[in-house]
PDB file of N, CA and C in Angstrom:
ATOM      1  N   MET A   1      26.874 -34.282 -74.093  1.00  0.00           N
ATOM      2  CA  MET A   1      26.021 -34.669 -75.201  1.00  0.00           C
ATOM      3  C   MET A   1      24.722 -35.250 -74.650  1.00  0.00           C
ATOM      4  N   GLU A   2      23.616 -34.871 -75.274  1.00  0.00           N
ATOM      5  CA  GLU A   2      22.321 -35.337 -74.815  1.00  0.00           C
ATOM      6  C   GLU A   2      22.040 -36.753 -75.318  1.00  0.00           C
ATOM      7  N   SER A   3      21.217 -37.446 -74.584  1.00  0.00           N
ATOM      8  CA  SER A   3      20.861 -38.804 -74.961  1.00  0.00           C
ATOM      9  C   SER A   3      19.726 -38.775 -75.987  1.00  0.00           C
ATOM     10  N   ASN A   4      19.747 -39.701 -76.921  1.00  0.00           N
ATOM     11  CA  ASN A   4      18.683 -39.794 -77.924  1.00  0.00           C
ATOM     12  C   ASN A   4      17.398 -40.366 -77.358  1.00  0.00           C
ATOM     13  N   ILE A   5      17.419 -40.920 -76.164  1.00  0.00           N
ATOM     14  CA  ILE A   5      16.238 -41.578 -75.628  1.00  0.00           C
ATOM     15  C   ILE A   5      15.117 -40.573 -75.380  1.00  0.00           C
ATOM     16  N   GLU A   6      15.425 -39.287 -75.121  1.00  0.00           N
ATOM     17  CA  GLU A   6      14.384 -38.295 -74.886  1.00  0.00           C
ATOM     18  C   GLU A   6      13.965 -37.573 -76.154  1.00  0.00           C
ATOM     19  N   HIS A   7      14.886 -37.361 -77.095  1.00  0.00           N
ATOM     20  CA  HIS A   7      14.608 -36.475 -78.213  1.00  0.00           C
ATOM     21  C   HIS A   7      14.606 -37.159 -79.574  1.00  0.00           C
ATOM     22  N   GLY A   8      15.335 -38.199 -79.761  1.00  0.00           N
ATOM     23  CA  GLY A   8      15.513 -38.789 -81.088  1.00  0.00           C
ATOM     24  C   GLY A   8      14.502 -39.863 -81.411  1.00  0.00           C
ATOM     25  N   ILE A   9      14.878 -40.700 -82.331  1.00  0.00           N
ATOM     26  CA  ILE A   9      14.008 -41.774 -82.795  1.00  0.00           C
ATOM     27  C   ILE A   9      13.753 -42.798 -81.692  1.00  0.00           C
ATOM     28  N   LYS A  10      14.660 -42.913 -80.739  1.00  0.00           N
ATOM     29  CA  LYS A  10      14.480 -43.874 -79.658  1.00  0.00           C
ATOM     30  C   LYS A  10      13.405 -43.440 -78.661  1.00  0.00           C
ATOM     31  N   ALA A  11      12.929 -42.199 -78.770  1.00  0.00           N
ATOM     32  CA  ALA A  11      11.886 -41.719 -77.862  1.00  0.00           C
ATOM     33  C   ALA A  11      10.519 -42.311 -78.205  1.00  0.00           C
ATOM     34  N   TYR A  12      10.332 -42.781 -79.439  1.00  0.00           N
ATOM     35  CA  TYR A  12       9.057 -43.339 -79.855  1.00  0.00           C
ATOM     36  C   TYR A  12       8.932 -44.789 -79.409  1.00  0.00           C
ATOM     37  N   SER A  13       7.706 -45.225 -79.145  1.00  0.00           N
ATOM     38  CA  SER A  13       7.503 -46.606 -78.728  1.00  0.00           C
ATOM     39  C   SER A  13       7.618 -47.517 -79.940  1.00  0.00           C
ATOM     40  N   VAL A  14       8.268 -48.650 -79.735  1.00  0.00           N
ATOM     41  CA  VAL A  14       8.482 -49.638 -80.795  1.00  0.00           C
ATOM     42  C   VAL A  14       7.906 -50.952 -80.308  1.00  0.00           C
ATOM     43  N   GLU A  15       7.198 -51.653 -81.191  1.00  0.00           N
ATOM     44  CA  GLU A  15       6.700 -52.978 -80.815  1.00  0.00           C
ATOM     45  C   GLU A  15       7.446 -54.034 -81.619  1.00  0.00           C
ATOM     46  N   CYS A  16       7.607 -55.175 -81.010  1.00  0.00           N
ATOM     47  CA  CYS A  16       8.329 -56.283 -81.623  1.00  0.00           C
ATOM     48  C   CYS A  16       7.621 -56.706 -82.907  1.00  0.00           C
ATOM     49  N   GLY A  17       8.376 -56.905 -83.981  1.00  0.00           N
ATOM     50  CA  GLY A  17       7.805 -57.315 -85.251  1.00  0.00           C
ATOM     51  C   GLY A  17       7.246 -58.720 -85.239  1.00  0.00           C
ATOM     52  N   HIS A  18       7.617 -59.515 -84.239  1.00  0.00           N
ATOM     53  CA  HIS A  18       7.169 -60.913 -84.183  1.00  0.00           C
ATOM     54  C   HIS A  18       5.982 -61.092 -83.241  1.00  0.00           C
ATOM     55  N   CYS A  19       6.119 -60.599 -81.997  1.00  0.00           N
ATOM     56  CA  CYS A  19       5.072 -60.855 -80.996  1.00  0.00           C
ATOM     57  C   CYS A  19       4.283 -59.613 -80.606  1.00  0.00           C
ATOM     58  N   LYS A  20       4.617 -58.451 -81.166  1.00  0.00           N
ATOM     59  CA  LYS A  20       3.914 -57.183 -80.925  1.00  0.00           C
ATOM     60  C   LYS A  20       4.024 -56.689 -79.484  1.00  0.00           C
ATOM     61  N   ALA A  21       5.014 -57.146 -78.749  1.00  0.00           N
ATOM     62  CA  ALA A  21       5.264 -56.663 -77.389  1.00  0.00           C
ATOM     63  C   ALA A  21       6.070 -55.361 -77.463  1.00  0.00           C
ATOM     64  N   PRO A  22       5.901 -54.473 -76.475  1.00  0.00           N
ATOM     65  CA  PRO A  22       6.708 -53.244 -76.480  1.00  0.00           C
ATOM     66  C   PRO A  22       8.187 -53.568 -76.267  1.00  0.00           C
ATOM     67  N   VAL A  23       9.062 -52.866 -76.988  1.00  0.00           N
ATOM     68  CA  VAL A  23      10.498 -53.111 -76.917  1.00  0.00           C
ATOM     69  C   VAL A  23      11.168 -51.955 -76.182  1.00  0.00           C
ATOM     70  N   GLU A  24      11.891 -52.269 -75.118  1.00  0.00           N
ATOM     71  CA  GLU A  24      12.621 -51.263 -74.356  1.00  0.00           C
ATOM     72  C   GLU A  24      13.873 -50.847 -75.110  1.00  0.00           C
ATOM     73  N   GLN A  25      14.128 -49.552 -75.190  1.00  0.00           N
ATOM     74  CA  GLN A  25      15.312 -49.029 -75.860  1.00  0.00           C
ATOM     75  C   GLN A  25      16.389 -48.705 -74.823  1.00  0.00           C
ATOM     76  N   THR A  26      17.639 -48.935 -75.181  1.00  0.00           N
ATOM     77  CA  THR A  26      18.746 -48.561 -74.309  1.00  0.00           C
ATOM     78  C   THR A  26      19.148 -47.126 -74.616  1.00  0.00           C
ATOM     79  N   PRO A  27      19.463 -46.342 -73.601  1.00  0.00           N
ATOM     80  CA  PRO A  27      19.849 -44.957 -73.846  1.00  0.00           C
ATOM     81  C   PRO A  27      21.191 -44.855 -74.559  1.00  0.00           C
ATOM     82  N   GLY A  28      21.404 -43.721 -75.212  1.00  0.00           N
ATOM     83  CA  GLY A  28      22.681 -43.475 -75.868  1.00  0.00           C
ATOM     84  C   GLY A  28      22.640 -43.741 -77.351  1.00  0.00           C
ATOM     85  N   ARG A  29      23.821 -43.768 -77.934  1.00  0.00           N
ATOM     86  CA  ARG A  29      23.954 -43.950 -79.368  1.00  0.00           C
ATOM     87  C   ARG A  29      23.721 -45.396 -79.755  1.00  0.00           C
ATOM     88  N   GLY A  30      23.412 -45.601 -81.010  1.00  0.00           N
ATOM     89  CA  GLY A  30      23.248 -46.960 -81.505  1.00  0.00           C
ATOM     90  C   GLY A  30      21.946 -47.141 -82.241  1.00  0.00           C
ATOM     91  N   ARG A  31      21.760 -48.338 -82.727  1.00  0.00           N
ATOM     92  CA  ARG A  31      20.570 -48.668 -83.505  1.00  0.00           C
ATOM     93  C   ARG A  31      19.352 -48.812 -82.612  1.00  0.00           C
ATOM     94  N   VAL A  32      18.189 -48.627 -83.212  1.00  0.00           N
ATOM     95  CA  VAL A  32      16.925 -48.819 -82.515  1.00  0.00           C
ATOM     96  C   VAL A  32      16.614 -50.310 -82.496  1.00  0.00           C
ATOM     97  N   LYS A  33      16.267 -50.834 -81.334  1.00  0.00           N
ATOM     98  CA  LYS A  33      15.888 -52.244 -81.238  1.00  0.00           C
ATOM     99  C   LYS A  33      14.500 -52.419 -81.840  1.00  0.00           C
ATOM    100  N   GLN A  34      14.348 -53.420 -82.700  1.00  0.00           N
ATOM    101  CA  GLN A  34      13.069 -53.671 -83.352  1.00  0.00           C
ATOM    102  C   GLN A  34      12.395 -54.946 -82.856  1.00  0.00           C
ATOM    103  N   TYR A  35      13.137 -55.789 -82.159  1.00  0.00           N
ATOM    104  CA  TYR A  35      12.607 -57.060 -81.660  1.00  0.00           C
ATOM    105  C   TYR A  35      12.968 -57.207 -80.193  1.00  0.00           C
ATOM    106  N   CYS A  36      12.109 -57.877 -79.424  1.00  0.00           N
ATOM    107  CA  CYS A  36      12.369 -58.007 -77.987  1.00  0.00           C
ATOM    108  C   CYS A  36      13.510 -58.978 -77.697  1.00  0.00           C
ATOM    109  N   THR A  37      13.724 -59.974 -78.561  1.00  0.00           N
ATOM    110  CA  THR A  37      14.843 -60.894 -78.403  1.00  0.00           C
ATOM    111  C   THR A  37      15.474 -61.155 -79.773  1.00  0.00           C
ATOM    112  N   PRO A  38      16.739 -61.539 -79.816  1.00  0.00           N
ATOM    113  CA  PRO A  38      17.355 -61.892 -81.106  1.00  0.00           C
ATOM    114  C   PRO A  38      16.628 -63.043 -81.813  1.00  0.00           C
ATOM    115  N   ASP A  39      16.077 -63.976 -81.038  1.00  0.00           N
ATOM    116  CA  ASP A  39      15.345 -65.093 -81.639  1.00  0.00           C
ATOM    117  C   ASP A  39      14.100 -64.621 -82.373  1.00  0.00           C
ATOM    118  N   HIS A  40      13.414 -63.628 -81.815  1.00  0.00           N
ATOM    119  CA  HIS A  40      12.214 -63.120 -82.480  1.00  0.00           C
ATOM    120  C   HIS A  40      12.565 -62.422 -83.788  1.00  0.00           C
ATOM    121  N   GLY A  41      13.688 -61.720 -83.831  1.00  0.00           N
ATOM    122  CA  GLY A  41      14.136 -61.112 -85.077  1.00  0.00           C
ATOM    123  C   GLY A  41      14.461 -62.159 -86.122  1.00  0.00           C
ATOM    124  N   ARG A  42      15.118 -63.212 -85.693  1.00  0.00           N
ATOM    125  CA  ARG A  42      15.487 -64.298 -86.603  1.00  0.00           C
ATOM    126  C   ARG A  42      14.238 -65.003 -87.128  1.00  0.00           C
ATOM    127  N   LEU A  43      13.259 -65.274 -86.250  1.00  0.00           N
ATOM    128  CA  LEU A  43      12.033 -65.950 -86.675  1.00  0.00           C
ATOM    129  C   LEU A  43      11.224 -65.078 -87.631  1.00  0.00           C
ATOM    130  N   HIS A  44      11.155 -63.786 -87.347  1.00  0.00           N
ATOM    131  CA  HIS A  44      10.396 -62.892 -88.219  1.00  0.00           C
ATOM    132  C   HIS A  44      11.032 -62.793 -89.606  1.00  0.00           C
ATOM    133  N   ARG A  45      12.341 -62.676 -89.656  1.00  0.00           N
ATOM    134  CA  ARG A  45      13.022 -62.613 -90.947  1.00  0.00           C
ATOM    135  C   ARG A  45      12.866 -63.922 -91.721  1.00  0.00           C
ATOM    136  N   ARG A  46      12.918 -65.059 -91.023  1.00  0.00           N
ATOM    137  CA  ARG A  46      12.738 -66.360 -91.676  1.00  0.00           C
ATOM    138  C   ARG A  46      11.328 -66.477 -92.261  1.00  0.00           C
ATOM    139  N   TYR A  47      10.332 -66.024 -91.496  1.00  0.00           N
ATOM    140  CA  TYR A  47       8.953 -66.066 -91.962  1.00  0.00           C
ATOM    141  C   TYR A  47       8.763 -65.171 -93.192  1.00  0.00           C
ATOM    142  N   MET A  48       9.301 -63.953 -93.143  1.00  0.00           N
ATOM    143  CA  MET A  48       9.156 -63.027 -94.261  1.00  0.00           C
ATOM    144  C   MET A  48       9.879 -63.550 -95.505  1.00  0.00           C
ATOM    145  N   ARG A  49      11.021 -64.188 -95.322  1.00  0.00           N
ATOM    146  CA  ARG A  49      11.752 -64.754 -96.440  1.00  0.00           C
ATOM    147  C   ARG A  49      10.972 -65.926 -97.065  1.00  0.00           C
ATOM    148  N   ALA A  50      10.333 -66.731 -96.224  1.00  0.00           N
ATOM    149  CA  ALA A  50       9.556 -67.867 -96.719  1.00  0.00           C
ATOM    150  C   ALA A  50       8.325 -67.398 -97.498  1.00  0.00           C
ATOM    151  N   MET A  51       7.783 -66.250 -97.113  1.00  0.00           N
ATOM    152  CA  MET A  51       6.616 -65.712 -97.788  1.00  0.00           C
ATOM    153  C   MET A  51       6.985 -64.943 -99.062  1.00  0.00           C
ATOM    154  N   GLY A  52       8.291 -64.753 -99.281  1.00  0.00           N
ATOM    155  CA  GLY A  52       8.747 -64.106-100.488  1.00  0.00           C
ATOM    156  C   GLY A  52       8.942 -62.599-100.371  1.00  0.00           C
ATOM    157  N   TRP A  53       8.900 -62.059 -99.163  1.00  0.00           N
ATOM    158  CA  TRP A  53       9.053 -60.611 -98.961  1.00  0.00           C
ATOM    159  C   TRP A  53      10.500 -60.192 -98.875  1.00  0.00           C
ATOM    160  N   LEU A  54      11.404 -61.065 -98.490  1.00  0.00           N
ATOM    161  CA  LEU A  54      12.821 -60.700 -98.372  1.00  0.00           C
ATOM    162  C   LEU A  54      13.662 -61.489 -99.349  1.00  0.00           C
TER     163      LEU A  54
END
């Protein structure tokens, strides 16, 4: 089976939703990483919730 890192959605560059840094993807199956650290994901979601978006 081929890896999604070359052909699928993981082949595209993703930047962290909190600090805008590039996020490295792990090869193989699974979800696309959207944040560089779990803390940045938590902070971004907290900020969006406080602003009324979530």
